[in-house]
């Protein structure tokens, strides 16, 4: 099992069944991690796939949900949930680049990080 202790992340996971679409996988993971019911999500689509510096291939899904949603934390998956406004995430002033040395191959790369959010 891969752990990401101390990292802030969106729900995610691997496509484990051939018949699941990327959106269905995202909905499954959101249900498992934060208690989000698929019927409560209006799926808008998926963003372009990309590869992370740690070797993962990610296809982000995008959707809308009712506000305020009664999330349920799965303590086996995550510690807490907190909101971050989309406007804050879209503001380029909240991004910074940092050097990152990949432990798999030892290569150094420049990686984008969000500044700490304090809402």
C-alpha atoms as a PDB file:
ATOM      1  CA  UNK A   1       0.000   0.000   0.000  1.00  0.00           C
ATOM      2  CA  UNK A   2       1.208   3.480  -0.860  1.00  0.00           C
ATOM      3  CA  UNK A   3       0.927   6.078   1.864  1.00  0.00           C
ATOM      4  CA  UNK A   4       0.830   9.818   1.479  1.00  0.00           C
ATOM      5  CA  UNK A   5       1.005  10.869   5.139  1.00  0.00           C
ATOM      6  CA  UNK A   6       0.777  14.593   5.634  1.00  0.00           C
ATOM      7  CA  UNK A   7      -0.199  15.304   2.036  1.00  0.00           C
ATOM      8  CA  UNK A   8      -3.356  17.115   1.029  1.00  0.00           C
ATOM      9  CA  UNK A   9      -5.061  15.304  -1.815  1.00  0.00           C
ATOM     10  CA  UNK A  10      -8.310  14.822  -3.650  1.00  0.00           C
ATOM     11  CA  UNK A  11      -9.985  11.397  -3.617  1.00  0.00           C
ATOM     12  CA  UNK A  12      -8.358   9.055  -6.069  1.00  0.00           C
ATOM     13  CA  UNK A  13      -7.405   5.534  -6.955  1.00  0.00           C
ATOM     14  CA  UNK A  14      -6.764   3.058  -9.706  1.00  0.00           C
ATOM     15  CA  UNK A  15      -9.207   1.707 -12.262  1.00  0.00           C
ATOM     16  CA  UNK A  16      -9.552  -1.852 -10.984  1.00  0.00           C
ATOM     17  CA  UNK A  17     -12.236  -3.267 -13.255  1.00  0.00           C
ATOM     18  CA  UNK A  18     -12.134  -3.160 -17.047  1.00  0.00           C
ATOM     19  CA  UNK A  19     -15.731  -1.955 -17.300  1.00  0.00           C
ATOM     20  CA  UNK A  20     -15.271   1.157 -15.121  1.00  0.00           C
ATOM     21  CA  UNK A  21     -14.785   4.503 -16.817  1.00  0.00           C
ATOM     22  CA  UNK A  22     -12.451   7.132 -15.355  1.00  0.00           C
ATOM     23  CA  UNK A  23     -15.489   9.029 -14.030  1.00  0.00           C
ATOM     24  CA  UNK A  24     -16.912   5.860 -12.423  1.00  0.00           C
ATOM     25  CA  UNK A  25     -13.549   5.215 -10.786  1.00  0.00           C
ATOM     26  CA  UNK A  26     -13.464   8.761  -9.389  1.00  0.00           C
ATOM     27  CA  UNK A  27     -17.002   8.363  -8.031  1.00  0.00           C
ATOM     28  CA  UNK A  28     -16.116   5.010  -6.434  1.00  0.00           C
ATOM     29  CA  UNK A  29     -13.070   6.485  -4.723  1.00  0.00           C
ATOM     30  CA  UNK A  30     -15.007   9.546  -3.524  1.00  0.00           C
ATOM     31  CA  UNK A  31     -17.649   7.238  -2.034  1.00  0.00           C
ATOM     32  CA  UNK A  32     -15.006   5.097  -0.291  1.00  0.00           C
ATOM     33  CA  UNK A  33     -12.926   8.005   1.044  1.00  0.00           C
ATOM     34  CA  UNK A  34     -15.385  10.801   1.825  1.00  0.00           C
ATOM     35  CA  UNK A  35     -18.865   9.238   1.649  1.00  0.00           C
ATOM     36  CA  UNK A  36     -19.920  11.065  -1.514  1.00  0.00           C
ATOM     37  CA  UNK A  37     -22.931   9.345  -3.093  1.00  0.00           C
ATOM     38  CA  UNK A  38     -22.675   8.998  -6.889  1.00  0.00           C
ATOM     39  CA  UNK A  39     -26.326  10.021  -7.285  1.00  0.00           C
ATOM     40  CA  UNK A  40     -25.489  13.379  -5.686  1.00  0.00           C
ATOM     41  CA  UNK A  41     -22.812  14.207  -8.284  1.00  0.00           C
ATOM     42  CA  UNK A  42     -23.344  15.895 -11.635  1.00  0.00           C
ATOM     43  CA  UNK A  43     -20.308  14.716 -13.590  1.00  0.00           C
ATOM     44  CA  UNK A  44     -18.991  17.462 -15.864  1.00  0.00           C
ATOM     45  CA  UNK A  45     -16.222  15.376 -17.405  1.00  0.00           C
ATOM     46  CA  UNK A  46     -12.549  14.556 -17.078  1.00  0.00           C
ATOM     47  CA  UNK A  47      -9.512  16.760 -17.508  1.00  0.00           C
ATOM     48  CA  UNK A  48      -6.555  15.789 -19.652  1.00  0.00           C
ATOM     49  CA  UNK A  49      -4.502  12.903 -18.260  1.00  0.00           C
ATOM     50  CA  UNK A  50      -1.034  13.638 -16.924  1.00  0.00           C
ATOM     51  CA  UNK A  51       1.855  11.761 -15.358  1.00  0.00           C
ATOM     52  CA  UNK A  52       3.147  12.692 -11.920  1.00  0.00           C
ATOM     53  CA  UNK A  53       6.802  12.922 -10.941  1.00  0.00           C
ATOM     54  CA  UNK A  54       6.332   9.767  -8.867  1.00  0.00           C
ATOM     55  CA  UNK A  55       5.189   7.734 -11.860  1.00  0.00           C
ATOM     56  CA  UNK A  56       1.402   7.797 -11.454  1.00  0.00           C
ATOM     57  CA  UNK A  57      -0.847   8.442 -14.454  1.00  0.00           C
ATOM     58  CA  UNK A  58      -3.761  10.618 -13.350  1.00  0.00           C
ATOM     59  CA  UNK A  59      -7.020  11.590 -15.076  1.00  0.00           C
ATOM     60  CA  UNK A  60      -8.848  14.139 -12.878  1.00  0.00           C
ATOM     61  CA  UNK A  61     -12.640  14.020 -12.852  1.00  0.00           C
ATOM     62  CA  UNK A  62     -14.748  17.142 -12.373  1.00  0.00           C
ATOM     63  CA  UNK A  63     -18.283  17.391 -11.057  1.00  0.00           C
ATOM     64  CA  UNK A  64     -20.639  19.430  -8.934  1.00  0.00           C
ATOM     65  CA  UNK A  65     -22.377  18.481  -5.702  1.00  0.00           C
ATOM     66  CA  UNK A  66     -25.029  20.125  -3.512  1.00  0.00           C
ATOM     67  CA  UNK A  67     -23.766  22.642  -0.959  1.00  0.00           C
ATOM     68  CA  UNK A  68     -23.248  22.002   1.962  1.00  0.00           C
ATOM     69  CA  UNK A  69     -22.638  18.302   1.569  1.00  0.00           C
ATOM     70  CA  UNK A  70     -22.688  15.876   4.541  1.00  0.00           C
ATOM     71  CA  UNK A  71     -19.305  14.237   3.891  1.00  0.00           C
ATOM     72  CA  UNK A  72     -18.285  11.203   5.958  1.00  0.00           C
ATOM     73  CA  UNK A  73     -14.584  10.670   6.621  1.00  0.00           C
ATOM     74  CA  UNK A  74     -13.356   7.105   6.186  1.00  0.00           C
ATOM     75  CA  UNK A  75     -10.708   6.982   8.945  1.00  0.00           C
ATOM     76  CA  UNK A  76      -8.942   4.104   7.158  1.00  0.00           C
ATOM     77  CA  UNK A  77      -8.411   6.342   4.128  1.00  0.00           C
ATOM     78  CA  UNK A  78      -8.088   9.949   5.345  1.00  0.00           C
ATOM     79  CA  UNK A  79      -7.800  12.107   8.459  1.00  0.00           C
ATOM     80  CA  UNK A  80     -10.013  15.068   7.656  1.00  0.00           C
ATOM     81  CA  UNK A  81     -11.892  17.027   4.998  1.00  0.00           C
ATOM     82  CA  UNK A  82     -11.701  20.787   4.576  1.00  0.00           C
ATOM     83  CA  UNK A  83     -13.097  23.128   1.920  1.00  0.00           C
ATOM     84  CA  UNK A  84     -10.951  25.232  -0.397  1.00  0.00           C
ATOM     85  CA  UNK A  85     -12.677  27.688  -2.753  1.00  0.00           C
ATOM     86  CA  UNK A  86     -12.230  26.987  -6.455  1.00  0.00           C
ATOM     87  CA  UNK A  87     -11.296  30.659  -6.925  1.00  0.00           C
ATOM     88  CA  UNK A  88      -8.339  30.153  -4.542  1.00  0.00           C
ATOM     89  CA  UNK A  89      -7.180  27.026  -6.402  1.00  0.00           C
ATOM     90  CA  UNK A  90      -7.450  28.838  -9.756  1.00  0.00           C
ATOM     91  CA  UNK A  91      -5.385  31.833  -8.572  1.00  0.00           C
ATOM     92  CA  UNK A  92      -1.827  31.465  -9.958  1.00  0.00           C
ATOM     93  CA  UNK A  93      -0.510  33.462  -6.972  1.00  0.00           C
ATOM     94  CA  UNK A  94      -1.260  30.421  -4.804  1.00  0.00           C
ATOM     95  CA  UNK A  95       1.085  28.186  -6.798  1.00  0.00           C
ATOM     96  CA  UNK A  96       4.803  27.916  -6.282  1.00  0.00           C
ATOM     97  CA  UNK A  97       7.510  25.761  -7.864  1.00  0.00           C
ATOM     98  CA  UNK A  98       9.869  23.710  -5.775  1.00  0.00           C
ATOM     99  CA  UNK A  99      12.633  21.280  -6.648  1.00  0.00           C
ATOM    100  CA  UNK A 100      11.682  17.651  -6.101  1.00  0.00           C
ATOM    101  CA  UNK A 101      14.084  14.706  -6.181  1.00  0.00           C
ATOM    102  CA  UNK A 102      12.270  11.554  -7.252  1.00  0.00           C
ATOM    103  CA  UNK A 103      13.186   8.701  -4.874  1.00  0.00           C
ATOM    104  CA  UNK A 104      12.573   6.148  -7.657  1.00  0.00           C
ATOM    105  CA  UNK A 105      15.085   7.423 -10.181  1.00  0.00           C
ATOM    106  CA  UNK A 106      16.988  10.156  -8.312  1.00  0.00           C
ATOM    107  CA  UNK A 107      16.114  12.752 -10.969  1.00  0.00           C
ATOM    108  CA  UNK A 108      15.456  16.301  -9.816  1.00  0.00           C
ATOM    109  CA  UNK A 109      12.478  18.104 -11.314  1.00  0.00           C
ATOM    110  CA  UNK A 110      10.634  21.364 -10.759  1.00  0.00           C
ATOM    111  CA  UNK A 111       7.151  20.672  -9.363  1.00  0.00           C
ATOM    112  CA  UNK A 112       4.173  22.932  -8.698  1.00  0.00           C
ATOM    113  CA  UNK A 113       2.878  23.089  -5.120  1.00  0.00           C
ATOM    114  CA  UNK A 114      -0.035  25.056  -3.708  1.00  0.00           C
ATOM    115  CA  UNK A 115       0.823  27.461  -0.943  1.00  0.00           C
ATOM    116  CA  UNK A 116      -0.735  26.533   2.423  1.00  0.00           C
ATOM    117  CA  UNK A 117      -4.410  27.473   2.520  1.00  0.00           C
ATOM    118  CA  UNK A 118      -5.775  29.220   5.572  1.00  0.00           C
ATOM    119  CA  UNK A 119      -9.472  29.775   5.108  1.00  0.00           C
END
